[in-house]
Amino acid sequence: MKKGIHPENYRLVAFKDMSNDEVFLTKSTANTKETLEVEGVEYPLVKLEISRTSHPYYTGKSKLVDTAGRIDKFKNKYAKFKK
């Protein structure tokens, strides 16, 4: 195996799912400027929009997320083509 191609700065990082506020710790090299205290210990924080705790595939729950009214914008844009 080639030497020097893998990062060596692995450390524990807190990943926070912003959709349900679930936090989990794992080793990572992700750069971040924010920190989060978990059980009295401060960790670098990486914010996620979706993770295994909120993804419909893993939770078995299907939900429609309409950010910024995308569905309404689409319907309004193409309403003139209705017969």
C-alpha atoms as a PDB file:
ATOM      1  CA  MET A   1       0.000   0.000   0.000  1.00  0.00           C
ATOM      2  CA  LYS A   2       1.240   3.514  -0.789  1.00  0.00           C
ATOM      3  CA  LYS A   3       2.459   5.519   2.168  1.00  0.00           C
ATOM      4  CA  GLY A   4       1.206   9.027   2.874  1.00  0.00           C
ATOM      5  CA  ILE A   5      -2.092   8.850   0.955  1.00  0.00           C
ATOM      6  CA  HIS A   6      -4.407   8.461   3.953  1.00  0.00           C
ATOM      7  CA  PRO A   7      -5.057  11.287   6.412  1.00  0.00           C
ATOM      8  CA  GLU A   8      -3.667  10.834   9.881  1.00  0.00           C
ATOM      9  CA  ASN A   9      -5.725  13.437  11.748  1.00  0.00           C
ATOM     10  CA  TYR A  10      -8.668  11.214  12.682  1.00  0.00           C
ATOM     11  CA  ARG A  11     -10.484  12.367  15.799  1.00  0.00           C
ATOM     12  CA  LEU A  12     -13.920  11.954  17.386  1.00  0.00           C
ATOM     13  CA  VAL A  13     -16.445  14.292  15.757  1.00  0.00           C
ATOM     14  CA  ALA A  14     -20.091  14.934  16.697  1.00  0.00           C
ATOM     15  CA  PHE A  15     -22.507  14.692  13.764  1.00  0.00           C
ATOM     16  CA  LYS A  16     -25.893  16.352  14.380  1.00  0.00           C
ATOM     17  CA  ASP A  17     -28.966  15.636  12.271  1.00  0.00           C
ATOM     18  CA  MET A  18     -30.710  19.022  12.071  1.00  0.00           C
ATOM     19  CA  SER A  19     -34.098  17.531  11.180  1.00  0.00           C
ATOM     20  CA  ASN A  20     -34.486  15.632  14.473  1.00  0.00           C
ATOM     21  CA  ASP A  21     -31.573  16.884  16.650  1.00  0.00           C
ATOM     22  CA  GLU A  22     -30.062  13.382  16.917  1.00  0.00           C
ATOM     23  CA  VAL A  23     -26.301  13.447  17.697  1.00  0.00           C
ATOM     24  CA  PHE A  24     -23.829  10.636  17.123  1.00  0.00           C
ATOM     25  CA  LEU A  25     -20.055  10.416  17.538  1.00  0.00           C
ATOM     26  CA  THR A  26     -17.654   8.828  15.116  1.00  0.00           C
ATOM     27  CA  LYS A  27     -14.070   9.262  13.967  1.00  0.00           C
ATOM     28  CA  SER A  28     -13.616  11.674  11.082  1.00  0.00           C
ATOM     29  CA  THR A  29     -11.199  14.107   9.467  1.00  0.00           C
ATOM     30  CA  ALA A  30     -13.961  16.589   8.529  1.00  0.00           C
ATOM     31  CA  ASN A  31     -12.969  20.229   9.029  1.00  0.00           C
ATOM     32  CA  THR A  32     -15.331  22.340  11.115  1.00  0.00           C
ATOM     33  CA  LYS A  33     -15.265  25.528  13.152  1.00  0.00           C
ATOM     34  CA  GLU A  34     -18.216  24.709  15.419  1.00  0.00           C
ATOM     35  CA  THR A  35     -18.147  22.571  18.547  1.00  0.00           C
ATOM     36  CA  LEU A  36     -20.746  20.733  20.609  1.00  0.00           C
ATOM     37  CA  GLU A  37     -20.588  19.459  24.177  1.00  0.00           C
ATOM     38  CA  VAL A  38     -21.696  15.846  24.574  1.00  0.00           C
ATOM     39  CA  GLU A  39     -21.693  14.315  28.076  1.00  0.00           C
ATOM     40  CA  GLY A  40     -19.303  16.972  29.365  1.00  0.00           C
ATOM     41  CA  VAL A  41     -16.780  16.605  26.534  1.00  0.00           C
ATOM     42  CA  GLU A  42     -16.468  19.129  23.692  1.00  0.00           C
ATOM     43  CA  TYR A  43     -16.270  17.749  20.131  1.00  0.00           C
ATOM     44  CA  PRO A  44     -16.021  19.347  16.688  1.00  0.00           C
ATOM     45  CA  LEU A  45     -19.539  19.577  15.187  1.00  0.00           C
ATOM     46  CA  VAL A  46     -20.690  18.674  11.671  1.00  0.00           C
ATOM     47  CA  LYS A  47     -24.323  19.501  10.873  1.00  0.00           C
ATOM     48  CA  LEU A  48     -26.270  17.146   8.599  1.00  0.00           C
ATOM     49  CA  GLU A  49     -29.588  17.704   6.837  1.00  0.00           C
ATOM     50  CA  ILE A  50     -30.436  14.010   6.891  1.00  0.00           C
ATOM     51  CA  SER A  51     -28.893  10.934   8.484  1.00  0.00           C
ATOM     52  CA  ARG A  52     -29.729   7.323   9.251  1.00  0.00           C
ATOM     53  CA  THR A  53     -32.051   8.482  12.036  1.00  0.00           C
ATOM     54  CA  SER A  54     -34.259  10.580   9.743  1.00  0.00           C
ATOM     55  CA  HIS A  55     -33.895   9.069   6.245  1.00  0.00           C
ATOM     56  CA  PRO A  56     -37.136   7.416   5.052  1.00  0.00           C
ATOM     57  CA  TYR A  57     -35.259   4.319   3.855  1.00  0.00           C
ATOM     58  CA  TYR A  58     -33.978   3.541   7.360  1.00  0.00           C
ATOM     59  CA  THR A  59     -36.978   4.773   9.364  1.00  0.00           C
ATOM     60  CA  GLY A  60     -39.676   3.239   7.156  1.00  0.00           C
ATOM     61  CA  LYS A  61     -41.585   6.500   7.239  1.00  0.00           C
ATOM     62  CA  SER A  62     -42.231   8.351   4.029  1.00  0.00           C
ATOM     63  CA  LYS A  63     -42.634  12.091   4.215  1.00  0.00           C
ATOM     64  CA  LEU A  64     -42.874  14.793   1.584  1.00  0.00           C
ATOM     65  CA  VAL A  65     -40.467  17.654   2.088  1.00  0.00           C
ATOM     66  CA  ASP A  66     -41.469  20.702   0.087  1.00  0.00           C
ATOM     67  CA  THR A  67     -38.699  23.229   0.491  1.00  0.00           C
ATOM     68  CA  ALA A  68     -39.480  26.748  -0.654  1.00  0.00           C
ATOM     69  CA  GLY A  69     -42.779  25.687  -2.261  1.00  0.00           C
ATOM     70  CA  ARG A  70     -41.168  23.841  -5.164  1.00  0.00           C
ATOM     71  CA  ILE A  71     -44.300  21.848  -5.917  1.00  0.00           C
ATOM     72  CA  ASP A  72     -46.462  24.982  -6.015  1.00  0.00           C
ATOM     73  CA  LYS A  73     -43.945  26.773  -8.243  1.00  0.00           C
ATOM     74  CA  PHE A  74     -43.960  23.823 -10.650  1.00  0.00           C
ATOM     75  CA  LYS A  75     -47.762  23.672 -10.762  1.00  0.00           C
ATOM     76  CA  ASN A  76     -48.068  27.418 -11.348  1.00  0.00           C
ATOM     77  CA  LYS A  77     -45.439  27.378 -14.074  1.00  0.00           C
ATOM     78  CA  TYR A  78     -47.053  24.570 -16.043  1.00  0.00           C
ATOM     79  CA  ALA A  79     -50.730  25.382 -15.314  1.00  0.00           C
ATOM     80  CA  LYS A  80     -51.001  27.213 -18.649  1.00  0.00           C
ATOM     81  CA  PHE A  81     -50.374  23.950 -20.527  1.00  0.00           C
ATOM     82  CA  LYS A  82     -53.403  22.189 -19.025  1.00  0.00           C
ATOM     83  CA  LYS A  83     -56.050  21.207 -21.540  1.00  0.00           C
END
